[in-house]
Amino acid sequence: MKIFIVDDSTVGREVIKKALGVYGYNDIEEAKDGVDALEQIELKKPLVDLFVLDINMPRMDGLTLLGKIRTIYKTTPVVMLTTETDKAKMVKAKESGATGWIIKPFDAEKLVKVIEMVVPKK
């Protein structure tokens, strides 16, 4: 399964990659923000099984990126990551096509449980 992580925090991306690696998820693309992610998507056109997007990022936030992703990847699951419990942002993310939501900090087990809930079994 290919997972595309978009988070402006290098440490945050490393934590997510390490957590996923513990459960055998090692096919990972990453970007430092929404602009970087879109550039990679347009250049590589990767087949992605799951996006993990941080909400708060410079240049292009996760909600804006989610809207752009949905024009290309209409049914690919998208899990939003945030430190916020802002209900309005959760509703906006859901309306924009988010499949799941994880509030930071989280542990590897919780992340993988959410992924396994939103990604269809093949």
PDB file of N, CA and C in Angstrom:
ATOM      1  N   MET A   1       0.840  -1.175   0.000  1.00  0.00           N
ATOM      2  CA  MET A   1       0.000   0.000   0.000  1.00  0.00           C
ATOM      3  C   MET A   1       0.887   1.241   0.000  1.00  0.00           C
ATOM      4  N   LYS A   2       0.640   2.162  -0.932  1.00  0.00           N
ATOM      5  CA  LYS A   2       1.405   3.412  -0.978  1.00  0.00           C
ATOM      6  C   LYS A   2       0.663   4.476  -0.175  1.00  0.00           C
ATOM      7  N   ILE A   3       1.400   5.077   0.762  1.00  0.00           N
ATOM      8  CA  ILE A   3       0.861   6.124   1.621  1.00  0.00           C
ATOM      9  C   ILE A   3       1.626   7.414   1.348  1.00  0.00           C
ATOM     10  N   PHE A   4       0.901   8.503   1.146  1.00  0.00           N
ATOM     11  CA  PHE A   4       1.498   9.809   0.884  1.00  0.00           C
ATOM     12  C   PHE A   4       1.251  10.685   2.114  1.00  0.00           C
ATOM     13  N   ILE A   5       2.342  11.058   2.800  1.00  0.00           N
ATOM     14  CA  ILE A   5       2.271  11.869   4.015  1.00  0.00           C
ATOM     15  C   ILE A   5       2.614  13.316   3.665  1.00  0.00           C
ATOM     16  N   VAL A   6       1.768  14.245   4.096  1.00  0.00           N
ATOM     17  CA  VAL A   6       2.038  15.666   3.876  1.00  0.00           C
ATOM     18  C   VAL A   6       1.969  16.368   5.233  1.00  0.00           C
ATOM     19  N   ASP A   7       3.131  16.838   5.693  1.00  0.00           N
ATOM     20  CA  ASP A   7       3.226  17.502   6.999  1.00  0.00           C
ATOM     21  C   ASP A   7       4.420  18.445   6.939  1.00  0.00           C
ATOM     22  N   ASP A   8       4.257  19.662   7.413  1.00  0.00           N
ATOM     23  CA  ASP A   8       5.354  20.628   7.362  1.00  0.00           C
ATOM     24  C   ASP A   8       6.438  20.328   8.387  1.00  0.00           C
ATOM     25  N   SER A   9       6.168  19.467   9.338  1.00  0.00           N
ATOM     26  CA  SER A   9       7.151  19.103  10.357  1.00  0.00           C
ATOM     27  C   SER A   9       7.938  17.871   9.914  1.00  0.00           C
ATOM     28  N   THR A  10       9.250  18.041   9.750  1.00  0.00           N
ATOM     29  CA  THR A  10      10.109  16.903   9.404  1.00  0.00           C
ATOM     30  C   THR A  10      10.002  15.835  10.480  1.00  0.00           C
ATOM     31  N   VAL A  11      10.023  16.256  11.730  1.00  0.00           N
ATOM     32  CA  VAL A  11       9.903  15.308  12.845  1.00  0.00           C
ATOM     33  C   VAL A  11       8.551  14.603  12.784  1.00  0.00           C
ATOM     34  N   GLY A  12       7.501  15.351  12.483  1.00  0.00           N
ATOM     35  CA  GLY A  12       6.168  14.761  12.366  1.00  0.00           C
ATOM     36  C   GLY A  12       6.109  13.687  11.295  1.00  0.00           C
ATOM     37  N   ARG A  13       6.708  13.968  10.134  1.00  0.00           N
ATOM     38  CA  ARG A  13       6.730  12.966   9.057  1.00  0.00           C
ATOM     39  C   ARG A  13       7.515  11.737   9.480  1.00  0.00           C
ATOM     40  N   GLU A  14       8.639  11.947  10.166  1.00  0.00           N
ATOM     41  CA  GLU A  14       9.456  10.814  10.625  1.00  0.00           C
ATOM     42  C   GLU A  14       8.697   9.955  11.632  1.00  0.00           C
ATOM     43  N   VAL A  15       7.977  10.602  12.544  1.00  0.00           N
ATOM     44  CA  VAL A  15       7.190   9.862  13.542  1.00  0.00           C
ATOM     45  C   VAL A  15       6.131   9.008  12.842  1.00  0.00           C
ATOM     46  N   ILE A  16       5.452   9.593  11.866  1.00  0.00           N
ATOM     47  CA  ILE A  16       4.421   8.854  11.131  1.00  0.00           C
ATOM     48  C   ILE A  16       5.044   7.690  10.372  1.00  0.00           C
ATOM     49  N   LYS A  17       6.156   7.944   9.672  1.00  0.00           N
ATOM     50  CA  LYS A  17       6.822   6.869   8.912  1.00  0.00           C
ATOM     51  C   LYS A  17       7.268   5.740   9.830  1.00  0.00           C
ATOM     52  N   LYS A  18       7.836   6.100  10.975  1.00  0.00           N
ATOM     53  CA  LYS A  18       8.296   5.080  11.921  1.00  0.00           C
ATOM     54  C   LYS A  18       7.112   4.264  12.444  1.00  0.00           C
ATOM     55  N   ALA A  19       6.032   4.946  12.798  1.00  0.00           N
ATOM     56  CA  ALA A  19       4.839   4.256  13.297  1.00  0.00           C
ATOM     57  C   ALA A  19       4.287   3.303  12.244  1.00  0.00           C
ATOM     58  N   LEU A  20       4.224   3.758  11.002  1.00  0.00           N
ATOM     59  CA  LEU A  20       3.715   2.905   9.926  1.00  0.00           C
ATOM     60  C   LEU A  20       4.655   1.738   9.657  1.00  0.00           C
ATOM     61  N   GLY A  21       5.957   2.000   9.730  1.00  0.00           N
ATOM     62  CA  GLY A  21       6.948   0.952   9.490  1.00  0.00           C
ATOM     63  C   GLY A  21       6.841  -0.198  10.469  1.00  0.00           C
ATOM     64  N   VAL A  22       6.491   0.104  11.711  1.00  0.00           N
ATOM     65  CA  VAL A  22       6.321  -0.937  12.732  1.00  0.00           C
ATOM     66  C   VAL A  22       5.271  -1.954  12.283  1.00  0.00           C
ATOM     67  N   TYR A  23       4.274  -1.487  11.539  1.00  0.00           N
ATOM     68  CA  TYR A  23       3.192  -2.359  11.084  1.00  0.00           C
ATOM     69  C   TYR A  23       3.371  -2.798   9.627  1.00  0.00           C
ATOM     70  N   GLY A  24       4.565  -2.597   9.089  1.00  0.00           N
ATOM     71  CA  GLY A  24       4.873  -3.094   7.754  1.00  0.00           C
ATOM     72  C   GLY A  24       4.484  -2.183   6.606  1.00  0.00           C
ATOM     73  N   TYR A  25       4.076  -0.963   6.907  1.00  0.00           N
ATOM     74  CA  TYR A  25       3.745  -0.006   5.852  1.00  0.00           C
ATOM     75  C   TYR A  25       4.997   0.811   5.547  1.00  0.00           C
ATOM     76  N   ASN A  26       5.680   0.462   4.465  1.00  0.00           N
ATOM     77  CA  ASN A  26       6.955   1.110   4.153  1.00  0.00           C
ATOM     78  C   ASN A  26       6.998   1.803   2.796  1.00  0.00           C
ATOM     79  N   ASP A  27       5.944   1.667   1.996  1.00  0.00           N
ATOM     80  CA  ASP A  27       5.899   2.311   0.680  1.00  0.00           C
ATOM     81  C   ASP A  27       5.300   3.705   0.871  1.00  0.00           C
ATOM     82  N   ILE A  28       6.180   4.675   1.138  1.00  0.00           N
ATOM     83  CA  ILE A  28       5.726   5.994   1.565  1.00  0.00           C
ATOM     84  C   ILE A  28       6.338   7.102   0.713  1.00  0.00           C
ATOM     85  N   GLU A  29       5.478   8.017   0.283  1.00  0.00           N
ATOM     86  CA  GLU A  29       5.896   9.275  -0.342  1.00  0.00           C
ATOM     87  C   GLU A  29       5.679  10.342   0.718  1.00  0.00           C
ATOM     88  N   GLU A  30       6.421  11.445   0.628  1.00  0.00           N
ATOM     89  CA  GLU A  30       6.196  12.516   1.593  1.00  0.00           C
ATOM     90  C   GLU A  30       6.426  13.877   0.962  1.00  0.00           C
ATOM     91  N   ALA A  31       5.750  14.869   1.526  1.00  0.00           N
ATOM     92  CA  ALA A  31       5.891  16.254   1.085  1.00  0.00           C
ATOM     93  C   ALA A  31       5.843  17.153   2.309  1.00  0.00           C
ATOM     94  N   LYS A  32       6.502  18.318   2.174  1.00  0.00           N
ATOM     95  CA  LYS A  32       6.625  19.226   3.324  1.00  0.00           C
ATOM     96  C   LYS A  32       5.461  20.200   3.468  1.00  0.00           C
ATOM     97  N   ASP A  33       4.616  20.300   2.455  1.00  0.00           N
ATOM     98  CA  ASP A  33       3.415  21.135   2.542  1.00  0.00           C
ATOM     99  C   ASP A  33       2.544  20.855   1.322  1.00  0.00           C
ATOM    100  N   GLY A  34       1.407  21.541   1.256  1.00  0.00           N
ATOM    101  CA  GLY A  34       0.474  21.291   0.169  1.00  0.00           C
ATOM    102  C   GLY A  34       1.020  21.621  -1.205  1.00  0.00           C
ATOM    103  N   VAL A  35       1.790  22.699  -1.310  1.00  0.00           N
ATOM    104  CA  VAL A  35       2.372  23.082  -2.601  1.00  0.00           C
ATOM    105  C   VAL A  35       3.345  22.005  -3.072  1.00  0.00           C
ATOM    106  N   ASP A  36       4.209  21.551  -2.176  1.00  0.00           N
ATOM    107  CA  ASP A  36       5.171  20.491  -2.494  1.00  0.00           C
ATOM    108  C   ASP A  36       4.431  19.216  -2.904  1.00  0.00           C
ATOM    109  N   ALA A  37       3.376  18.876  -2.195  1.00  0.00           N
ATOM    110  CA  ALA A  37       2.604  17.668  -2.516  1.00  0.00           C
ATOM    111  C   ALA A  37       2.008  17.755  -3.915  1.00  0.00           C
ATOM    112  N   LEU A  38       1.391  18.894  -4.237  1.00  0.00           N
ATOM    113  CA  LEU A  38       0.796  19.042  -5.569  1.00  0.00           C
ATOM    114  C   LEU A  38       1.842  18.982  -6.670  1.00  0.00           C
ATOM    115  N   GLU A  39       3.006  19.582  -6.430  1.00  0.00           N
ATOM    116  CA  GLU A  39       4.086  19.512  -7.420  1.00  0.00           C
ATOM    117  C   GLU A  39       4.492  18.062  -7.655  1.00  0.00           C
ATOM    118  N   GLN A  40       4.629  17.289  -6.582  1.00  0.00           N
ATOM    119  CA  GLN A  40       5.004  15.878  -6.726  1.00  0.00           C
ATOM    120  C   GLN A  40       3.918  15.088  -7.451  1.00  0.00           C
ATOM    121  N   ILE A  41       2.670  15.359  -7.106  1.00  0.00           N
ATOM    122  CA  ILE A  41       1.559  14.652  -7.744  1.00  0.00           C
ATOM    123  C   ILE A  41       1.539  14.952  -9.239  1.00  0.00           C
ATOM    124  N   GLU A  42       1.700  16.222  -9.609  1.00  0.00           N
ATOM    125  CA  GLU A  42       1.680  16.596 -11.024  1.00  0.00           C
ATOM    126  C   GLU A  42       2.870  16.025 -11.777  1.00  0.00           C
ATOM    127  N   LEU A  43       4.033  15.948 -11.121  1.00  0.00           N
ATOM    128  CA  LEU A  43       5.247  15.448 -11.762  1.00  0.00           C
ATOM    129  C   LEU A  43       5.247  13.923 -11.882  1.00  0.00           C
ATOM    130  N   LYS A  44       4.964  13.243 -10.776  1.00  0.00           N
ATOM    131  CA  LYS A  44       5.082  11.779 -10.732  1.00  0.00           C
ATOM    132  C   LYS A  44       3.781  11.043 -11.026  1.00  0.00           C
ATOM    133  N   LYS A  45       2.649  11.698 -10.773  1.00  0.00           N
ATOM    134  CA  LYS A  45       1.342  11.051 -10.891  1.00  0.00           C
ATOM    135  C   LYS A  45       1.337   9.685 -10.187  1.00  0.00           C
ATOM    136  N   PRO A  46       1.716   9.669  -8.901  1.00  0.00           N
ATOM    137  CA  PRO A  46       1.821   8.390  -8.200  1.00  0.00           C
ATOM    138  C   PRO A  46       0.463   7.732  -7.963  1.00  0.00           C
ATOM    139  N   LEU A  47       0.470   6.406  -7.946  1.00  0.00           N
ATOM    140  CA  LEU A  47      -0.705   5.661  -7.521  1.00  0.00           C
ATOM    141  C   LEU A  47      -0.659   5.664  -6.002  1.00  0.00           C
ATOM    142  N   VAL A  48      -1.645   6.247  -5.374  1.00  0.00           N
ATOM    143  CA  VAL A  48      -1.655   6.400  -3.923  1.00  0.00           C
ATOM    144  C   VAL A  48      -2.870   5.676  -3.362  1.00  0.00           C
ATOM    145  N   ASP A  49      -2.648   4.901  -2.294  1.00  0.00           N
ATOM    146  CA  ASP A  49      -3.743   4.185  -1.640  1.00  0.00           C
ATOM    147  C   ASP A  49      -4.319   4.960  -0.464  1.00  0.00           C
ATOM    148  N   LEU A  50      -3.522   5.895   0.088  1.00  0.00           N
ATOM    149  CA  LEU A  50      -3.960   6.667   1.248  1.00  0.00           C
ATOM    150  C   LEU A  50      -3.144   7.948   1.355  1.00  0.00           C
ATOM    151  N   PHE A  51      -3.821   9.049   1.646  1.00  0.00           N
ATOM    152  CA  PHE A  51      -3.149  10.309   1.969  1.00  0.00           C
ATOM    153  C   PHE A  51      -3.298  10.560   3.459  1.00  0.00           C
ATOM    154  N   VAL A  52      -2.216  11.045   4.088  1.00  0.00           N
ATOM    155  CA  VAL A  52      -2.248  11.493   5.479  1.00  0.00           C
ATOM    156  C   VAL A  52      -1.814  12.954   5.445  1.00  0.00           C
ATOM    157  N   LEU A  53      -2.739  13.864   5.758  1.00  0.00           N
ATOM    158  CA  LEU A  53      -2.487  15.297   5.617  1.00  0.00           C
ATOM    159  C   LEU A  53      -2.568  16.014   6.955  1.00  0.00           C
ATOM    160  N   ASP A  54      -1.560  16.827   7.240  1.00  0.00           N
ATOM    161  CA  ASP A  54      -1.638  17.734   8.381  1.00  0.00           C
ATOM    162  C   ASP A  54      -2.573  18.875   7.982  1.00  0.00           C
ATOM    163  N   ILE A  55      -3.312  19.397   8.933  1.00  0.00           N
ATOM    164  CA  ILE A  55      -4.217  20.514   8.635  1.00  0.00           C
ATOM    165  C   ILE A  55      -3.458  21.832   8.519  1.00  0.00           C
ATOM    166  N   ASN A  56      -2.634  22.127   9.515  1.00  0.00           N
ATOM    167  CA  ASN A  56      -1.961  23.429   9.586  1.00  0.00           C
ATOM    168  C   ASN A  56      -0.568  23.358   8.972  1.00  0.00           C
ATOM    169  N   MET A  57      -0.430  23.947   7.777  1.00  0.00           N
ATOM    170  CA  MET A  57       0.858  23.989   7.087  1.00  0.00           C
ATOM    171  C   MET A  57       0.994  25.340   6.400  1.00  0.00           C
ATOM    172  N   PRO A  58       2.235  25.811   6.211  1.00  0.00           N
ATOM    173  CA  PRO A  58       2.434  27.054   5.454  1.00  0.00           C
ATOM    174  C   PRO A  58       2.207  26.816   3.955  1.00  0.00           C
ATOM    175  N   ARG A  59       2.078  27.875   3.230  1.00  0.00           N
ATOM    176  CA  ARG A  59       1.909  27.905   1.767  1.00  0.00           C
ATOM    177  C   ARG A  59       0.569  27.340   1.311  1.00  0.00           C
ATOM    178  N   MET A  60       0.195  26.149   1.751  1.00  0.00           N
ATOM    179  CA  MET A  60      -1.121  25.584   1.446  1.00  0.00           C
ATOM    180  C   MET A  60      -1.492  24.637   2.575  1.00  0.00           C
ATOM    181  N   ASP A  61      -2.594  24.922   3.240  1.00  0.00           N
ATOM    182  CA  ASP A  61      -2.988  24.081   4.372  1.00  0.00           C
ATOM    183  C   ASP A  61      -3.625  22.772   3.905  1.00  0.00           C
ATOM    184  N   GLY A  62      -3.852  21.902   4.849  1.00  0.00           N
ATOM    185  CA  GLY A  62      -4.376  20.577   4.535  1.00  0.00           C
ATOM    186  C   GLY A  62      -5.778  20.584   3.962  1.00  0.00           C
ATOM    187  N   LEU A  63      -6.625  21.507   4.410  1.00  0.00           N
ATOM    188  CA  LEU A  63      -7.988  21.562   3.877  1.00  0.00           C
ATOM    189  C   LEU A  63      -7.991  21.999   2.415  1.00  0.00           C
ATOM    190  N   THR A  64      -7.164  22.972   2.072  1.00  0.00           N
ATOM    191  CA  THR A  64      -7.053  23.406   0.673  1.00  0.00           C
ATOM    192  C   THR A  64      -6.494  22.273  -0.179  1.00  0.00           C
ATOM    193  N   LEU A  65      -5.448  21.621   0.330  1.00  0.00           N
ATOM    194  CA  LEU A  65      -4.861  20.490  -0.399  1.00  0.00           C
ATOM    195  C   LEU A  65      -5.882  19.379  -0.584  1.00  0.00           C
ATOM    196  N   LEU A  66      -6.661  19.097   0.439  1.00  0.00           N
ATOM    197  CA  LEU A  66      -7.687  18.059   0.345  1.00  0.00           C
ATOM    198  C   LEU A  66      -8.624  18.335  -0.826  1.00  0.00           C
ATOM    199  N   GLY A  67      -9.070  19.576  -0.965  1.00  0.00           N
ATOM    200  CA  GLY A  67      -9.946  19.925  -2.081  1.00  0.00           C
ATOM    201  C   GLY A  67      -9.290  19.674  -3.427  1.00  0.00           C
ATOM    202  N   LYS A  68      -8.017  19.998  -3.539  1.00  0.00           N
ATOM    203  CA  LYS A  68      -7.287  19.791  -4.796  1.00  0.00           C
ATOM    204  C   LYS A  68      -7.052  18.301  -5.054  1.00  0.00           C
ATOM    205  N   ILE A  69      -6.742  17.554  -3.995  1.00  0.00           N
ATOM    206  CA  ILE A  69      -6.541  16.106  -4.135  1.00  0.00           C
ATOM    207  C   ILE A  69      -7.820  15.451  -4.647  1.00  0.00           C
ATOM    208  N   ARG A  70      -8.956  15.898  -4.138  1.00  0.00           N
ATOM    209  CA  ARG A  70     -10.232  15.279  -4.519  1.00  0.00           C
ATOM    210  C   ARG A  70     -10.559  15.465  -6.002  1.00  0.00           C
ATOM    211  N   THR A  71      -9.958  16.449  -6.662  1.00  0.00           N
ATOM    212  CA  THR A  71     -10.199  16.600  -8.101  1.00  0.00           C
ATOM    213  C   THR A  71      -9.421  15.558  -8.904  1.00  0.00           C
ATOM    214  N   ILE A  72      -8.377  14.991  -8.300  1.00  0.00           N
ATOM    215  CA  ILE A  72      -7.519  14.020  -8.985  1.00  0.00           C
ATOM    216  C   ILE A  72      -7.779  12.606  -8.474  1.00  0.00           C
ATOM    217  N   TYR A  73      -7.798  12.471  -7.159  1.00  0.00           N
ATOM    218  CA  TYR A  73      -7.999  11.180  -6.494  1.00  0.00           C
ATOM    219  C   TYR A  73      -9.378  11.215  -5.841  1.00  0.00           C
ATOM    220  N   LYS A  74     -10.388  10.864  -6.611  1.00  0.00           N
ATOM    221  CA  LYS A  74     -11.768  11.041  -6.155  1.00  0.00           C
ATOM    222  C   LYS A  74     -12.172  10.116  -5.013  1.00  0.00           C
ATOM    223  N   THR A  75     -11.619   8.907  -4.977  1.00  0.00           N
ATOM    224  CA  THR A  75     -12.061   7.940  -3.963  1.00  0.00           C
ATOM    225  C   THR A  75     -10.953   7.485  -3.019  1.00  0.00           C
ATOM    226  N   THR A  76      -9.733   7.974  -3.205  1.00  0.00           N
ATOM    227  CA  THR A  76      -8.622   7.572  -2.336  1.00  0.00           C
ATOM    228  C   THR A  76      -8.867   8.093  -0.923  1.00  0.00           C
ATOM    229  N   PRO A  77      -8.769   7.230   0.091  1.00  0.00           N
ATOM    230  CA  PRO A  77      -8.977   7.686   1.466  1.00  0.00           C
ATOM    231  C   PRO A  77      -7.968   8.762   1.875  1.00  0.00           C
ATOM    232  N   VAL A  78      -8.447   9.721   2.666  1.00  0.00           N
ATOM    233  CA  VAL A  78      -7.611  10.803   3.181  1.00  0.00           C
ATOM    234  C   VAL A  78      -7.849  10.914   4.683  1.00  0.00           C
ATOM    235  N   VAL A  79      -6.762  10.782   5.455  1.00  0.00           N
ATOM    236  CA  VAL A  79      -6.823  10.948   6.907  1.00  0.00           C
ATOM    237  C   VAL A  79      -6.179  12.284   7.246  1.00  0.00           C
ATOM    238  N   MET A  80      -6.885  13.096   8.003  1.00  0.00           N
ATOM    239  CA  MET A  80      -6.392  14.408   8.411  1.00  0.00           C
ATOM    240  C   MET A  80      -5.743  14.303   9.789  1.00  0.00           C
ATOM    241  N   LEU A  81      -4.599  14.976   9.951  1.00  0.00           N
ATOM    242  CA  LEU A  81      -3.892  15.029  11.235  1.00  0.00           C
ATOM    243  C   LEU A  81      -3.920  16.451  11.754  1.00  0.00           C
ATOM    244  N   THR A  82      -4.171  16.603  13.038  1.00  0.00           N
ATOM    245  CA  THR A  82      -4.156  17.951  13.598  1.00  0.00           C
ATOM    246  C   THR A  82      -3.971  17.920  15.102  1.00  0.00           C
ATOM    247  N   THR A  83      -3.559  19.038  15.639  1.00  0.00           N
ATOM    248  CA  THR A  83      -3.481  19.196  17.090  1.00  0.00           C
ATOM    249  C   THR A  83      -4.776  19.818  17.589  1.00  0.00           C
ATOM    250  N   GLU A  84      -5.663  20.133  16.683  1.00  0.00           N
ATOM    251  CA  GLU A  84      -6.892  20.843  17.024  1.00  0.00           C
ATOM    252  C   GLU A  84      -8.074  19.907  17.200  1.00  0.00           C
ATOM    253  N   THR A  85      -8.991  20.339  18.045  1.00  0.00           N
ATOM    254  CA  THR A  85     -10.255  19.624  18.192  1.00  0.00           C
ATOM    255  C   THR A  85     -11.394  20.521  17.711  1.00  0.00           C
ATOM    256  N   ASP A  86     -11.068  21.462  16.842  1.00  0.00           N
ATOM    257  CA  ASP A  86     -12.019  22.430  16.308  1.00  0.00           C
ATOM    258  C   ASP A  86     -13.091  21.713  15.486  1.00  0.00           C
ATOM    259  N   LYS A  87     -14.305  21.703  16.002  1.00  0.00           N
ATOM    260  CA  LYS A  87     -15.410  20.995  15.335  1.00  0.00           C
ATOM    261  C   LYS A  87     -15.691  21.561  13.942  1.00  0.00           C
ATOM    262  N   ALA A  88     -15.575  22.876  13.783  1.00  0.00           N
ATOM    263  CA  ALA A  88     -15.840  23.484  12.473  1.00  0.00           C
ATOM    264  C   ALA A  88     -14.860  22.967  11.426  1.00  0.00           C
ATOM    265  N   LYS A  89     -13.582  22.830  11.809  1.00  0.00           N
ATOM    266  CA  LYS A  89     -12.592  22.300  10.861  1.00  0.00           C
ATOM    267  C   LYS A  89     -12.861  20.828  10.567  1.00  0.00           C
ATOM    268  N   MET A  90     -13.292  20.079  11.576  1.00  0.00           N
ATOM    269  CA  MET A  90     -13.619  18.667  11.357  1.00  0.00           C
ATOM    270  C   MET A  90     -14.770  18.543  10.362  1.00  0.00           C
ATOM    271  N   VAL A  91     -15.796  19.374  10.531  1.00  0.00           N
ATOM    272  CA  VAL A  91     -16.942  19.351   9.622  1.00  0.00           C
ATOM    273  C   VAL A  91     -16.501  19.743   8.212  1.00  0.00           C
ATOM    274  N   LYS A  92     -15.691  20.802   8.095  1.00  0.00           N
ATOM    275  CA  LYS A  92     -15.208  21.239   6.775  1.00  0.00           C
ATOM    276  C   LYS A  92     -14.387  20.143   6.112  1.00  0.00           C
ATOM    277  N   ALA A  93     -13.526  19.471   6.881  1.00  0.00           N
ATOM    278  CA  ALA A  93     -12.720  18.380   6.326  1.00  0.00           C
ATOM    279  C   ALA A  93     -13.620  17.260   5.821  1.00  0.00           C
ATOM    280  N   LYS A  94     -14.621  16.902   6.599  1.00  0.00           N
ATOM    281  CA  LYS A  94     -15.545  15.834   6.194  1.00  0.00           C
ATOM    282  C   LYS A  94     -16.293  16.244   4.924  1.00  0.00           C
ATOM    283  N   GLU A  95     -16.783  17.480   4.892  1.00  0.00           N
ATOM    284  CA  GLU A  95     -17.502  17.972   3.711  1.00  0.00           C
ATOM    285  C   GLU A  95     -16.603  18.029   2.482  1.00  0.00           C
ATOM    286  N   SER A  96     -15.303  18.235   2.691  1.00  0.00           N
ATOM    287  CA  SER A  96     -14.347  18.320   1.581  1.00  0.00           C
ATOM    288  C   SER A  96     -13.855  16.955   1.125  1.00  0.00           C
ATOM    289  N   GLY A  97     -14.251  15.904   1.838  1.00  0.00           N
ATOM    290  CA  GLY A  97     -13.892  14.562   1.402  1.00  0.00           C
ATOM    291  C   GLY A  97     -12.928  13.803   2.280  1.00  0.00           C
ATOM    292  N   ALA A  98     -12.649  14.303   3.489  1.00  0.00           N
ATOM    293  CA  ALA A  98     -11.775  13.547   4.397  1.00  0.00           C
ATOM    294  C   ALA A  98     -12.478  12.260   4.812  1.00  0.00           C
ATOM    295  N   THR A  99     -11.698  11.203   4.923  1.00  0.00           N
ATOM    296  CA  THR A  99     -12.239   9.903   5.278  1.00  0.00           C
ATOM    297  C   THR A  99     -12.085   9.624   6.762  1.00  0.00           C
ATOM    298  N   GLY A 100     -11.039  10.207   7.372  1.00  0.00           N
ATOM    299  CA  GLY A 100     -10.774   9.979   8.787  1.00  0.00           C
ATOM    300  C   GLY A 100     -10.030  11.150   9.389  1.00  0.00           C
ATOM    301  N   TRP A 101      -9.854  11.101  10.699  1.00  0.00           N
ATOM    302  CA  TRP A 101      -9.285  12.224  11.451  1.00  0.00           C
ATOM    303  C   TRP A 101      -8.512  11.665  12.620  1.00  0.00           C
ATOM    304  N   ILE A 102      -7.297  12.163  12.850  1.00  0.00           N
ATOM    305  CA  ILE A 102      -6.511  11.771  14.025  1.00  0.00           C
ATOM    306  C   ILE A 102      -6.000  13.039  14.692  1.00  0.00           C
ATOM    307  N   ILE A 103      -6.181  13.120  16.003  1.00  0.00           N
ATOM    308  CA  ILE A 103      -5.687  14.264  16.764  1.00  0.00           C
ATOM    309  C   ILE A 103      -4.330  13.911  17.352  1.00  0.00           C
ATOM    310  N   LYS A 104      -3.352  14.809  17.117  1.00  0.00           N
ATOM    311  CA  LYS A 104      -2.003  14.622  17.652  1.00  0.00           C
ATOM    312  C   LYS A 104      -2.009  14.986  19.127  1.00  0.00           C
ATOM    313  N   PRO A 105      -1.195  14.370  19.946  1.00  0.00           N
ATOM    314  CA  PRO A 105      -0.316  13.244  19.612  1.00  0.00           C
ATOM    315  C   PRO A 105      -1.109  11.940  19.546  1.00  0.00           C
ATOM    316  N   PHE A 106      -0.555  10.979  18.834  1.00  0.00           N
ATOM    317  CA  PHE A 106      -1.189   9.672  18.685  1.00  0.00           C
ATOM    318  C   PHE A 106      -0.097   8.624  18.757  1.00  0.00           C
ATOM    319  N   ASP A 107      -0.506   7.368  18.960  1.00  0.00           N
ATOM    320  CA  ASP A 107       0.489   6.297  18.940  1.00  0.00           C
ATOM    321  C   ASP A 107       0.325   5.488  17.656  1.00  0.00           C
ATOM    322  N   ALA A 108       1.305   4.644  17.392  1.00  0.00           N
ATOM    323  CA  ALA A 108       1.324   3.857  16.151  1.00  0.00           C
ATOM    324  C   ALA A 108       0.068   3.007  16.021  1.00  0.00           C
ATOM    325  N   GLU A 109      -0.347   2.397  17.111  1.00  0.00           N
ATOM    326  CA  GLU A 109      -1.514   1.512  17.069  1.00  0.00           C
ATOM    327  C   GLU A 109      -2.775   2.277  16.655  1.00  0.00           C
ATOM    328  N   LYS A 110      -2.965   3.464  17.213  1.00  0.00           N
ATOM    329  CA  LYS A 110      -4.146   4.261  16.866  1.00  0.00           C
ATOM    330  C   LYS A 110      -4.109   4.678  15.400  1.00  0.00           C
ATOM    331  N   LEU A 111      -2.946   5.104  14.919  1.00  0.00           N
ATOM    332  CA  LEU A 111      -2.802   5.499  13.521  1.00  0.00           C
ATOM    333  C   LEU A 111      -3.156   4.341  12.596  1.00  0.00           C
ATOM    334  N   VAL A 112      -2.614   3.181  12.878  1.00  0.00           N
ATOM    335  CA  VAL A 112      -2.862   2.012  12.026  1.00  0.00           C
ATOM    336  C   VAL A 112      -4.327   1.586  12.101  1.00  0.00           C
ATOM    337  N   LYS A 113      -4.951   1.686  13.264  1.00  0.00           N
ATOM    338  CA  LYS A 113      -6.381   1.340  13.375  1.00  0.00           C
ATOM    339  C   LYS A 113      -7.224   2.238  12.481  1.00  0.00           C
ATOM    340  N   VAL A 114      -6.925   3.530  12.483  1.00  0.00           N
ATOM    341  CA  VAL A 114      -7.677   4.457  11.631  1.00  0.00           C
ATOM    342  C   VAL A 114      -7.437   4.121  10.160  1.00  0.00           C
ATOM    343  N   ILE A 115      -6.190   3.859   9.796  1.00  0.00           N
ATOM    344  CA  ILE A 115      -5.868   3.504   8.411  1.00  0.00           C
ATOM    345  C   ILE A 115      -6.626   2.252   7.988  1.00  0.00           C
ATOM    346  N   GLU A 116      -6.623   1.247   8.839  1.00  0.00           N
ATOM    347  CA  GLU A 116      -7.295  -0.004   8.485  1.00  0.00           C
ATOM    348  C   GLU A 116      -8.811   0.165   8.424  1.00  0.00           C
ATOM    349  N   MET A 117      -9.342   1.165   9.124  1.00  0.00           N
ATOM    350  CA  MET A 117     -10.785   1.433   9.038  1.00  0.00           C
ATOM    351  C   MET A 117     -11.149   2.124   7.728  1.00  0.00           C
ATOM    352  N   VAL A 118     -10.254   2.973   7.204  1.00  0.00           N
ATOM    353  CA  VAL A 118     -10.618   3.775   6.032  1.00  0.00           C
ATOM    354  C   VAL A 118     -10.129   3.217   4.696  1.00  0.00           C
ATOM    355  N   VAL A 119      -9.121   2.354   4.729  1.00  0.00           N
ATOM    356  CA  VAL A 119      -8.596   1.809   3.474  1.00  0.00           C
ATOM    357  C   VAL A 119      -9.274   0.477   3.193  1.00  0.00           C
ATOM    358  N   PRO A 120      -9.919   0.365   2.040  1.00  0.00           N
ATOM    359  CA  PRO A 120     -10.580  -0.897   1.708  1.00  0.00           C
ATOM    360  C   PRO A 120      -9.576  -2.040   1.608  1.00  0.00           C
ATOM    361  N   LYS A 121      -9.968  -3.189   2.093  1.00  0.00           N
ATOM    362  CA  LYS A 121      -9.116  -4.386   1.994  1.00  0.00           C
ATOM    363  C   LYS A 121      -9.061  -4.824   0.541  1.00  0.00           C
ATOM    364  N   LYS A 122      -7.853  -5.238   0.123  1.00  0.00           N
ATOM    365  CA  LYS A 122      -7.694  -5.685  -1.274  1.00  0.00           C
ATOM    366  C   LYS A 122      -7.659  -7.186  -1.343  1.00  0.00           C
TER     367      LYS A 122
END
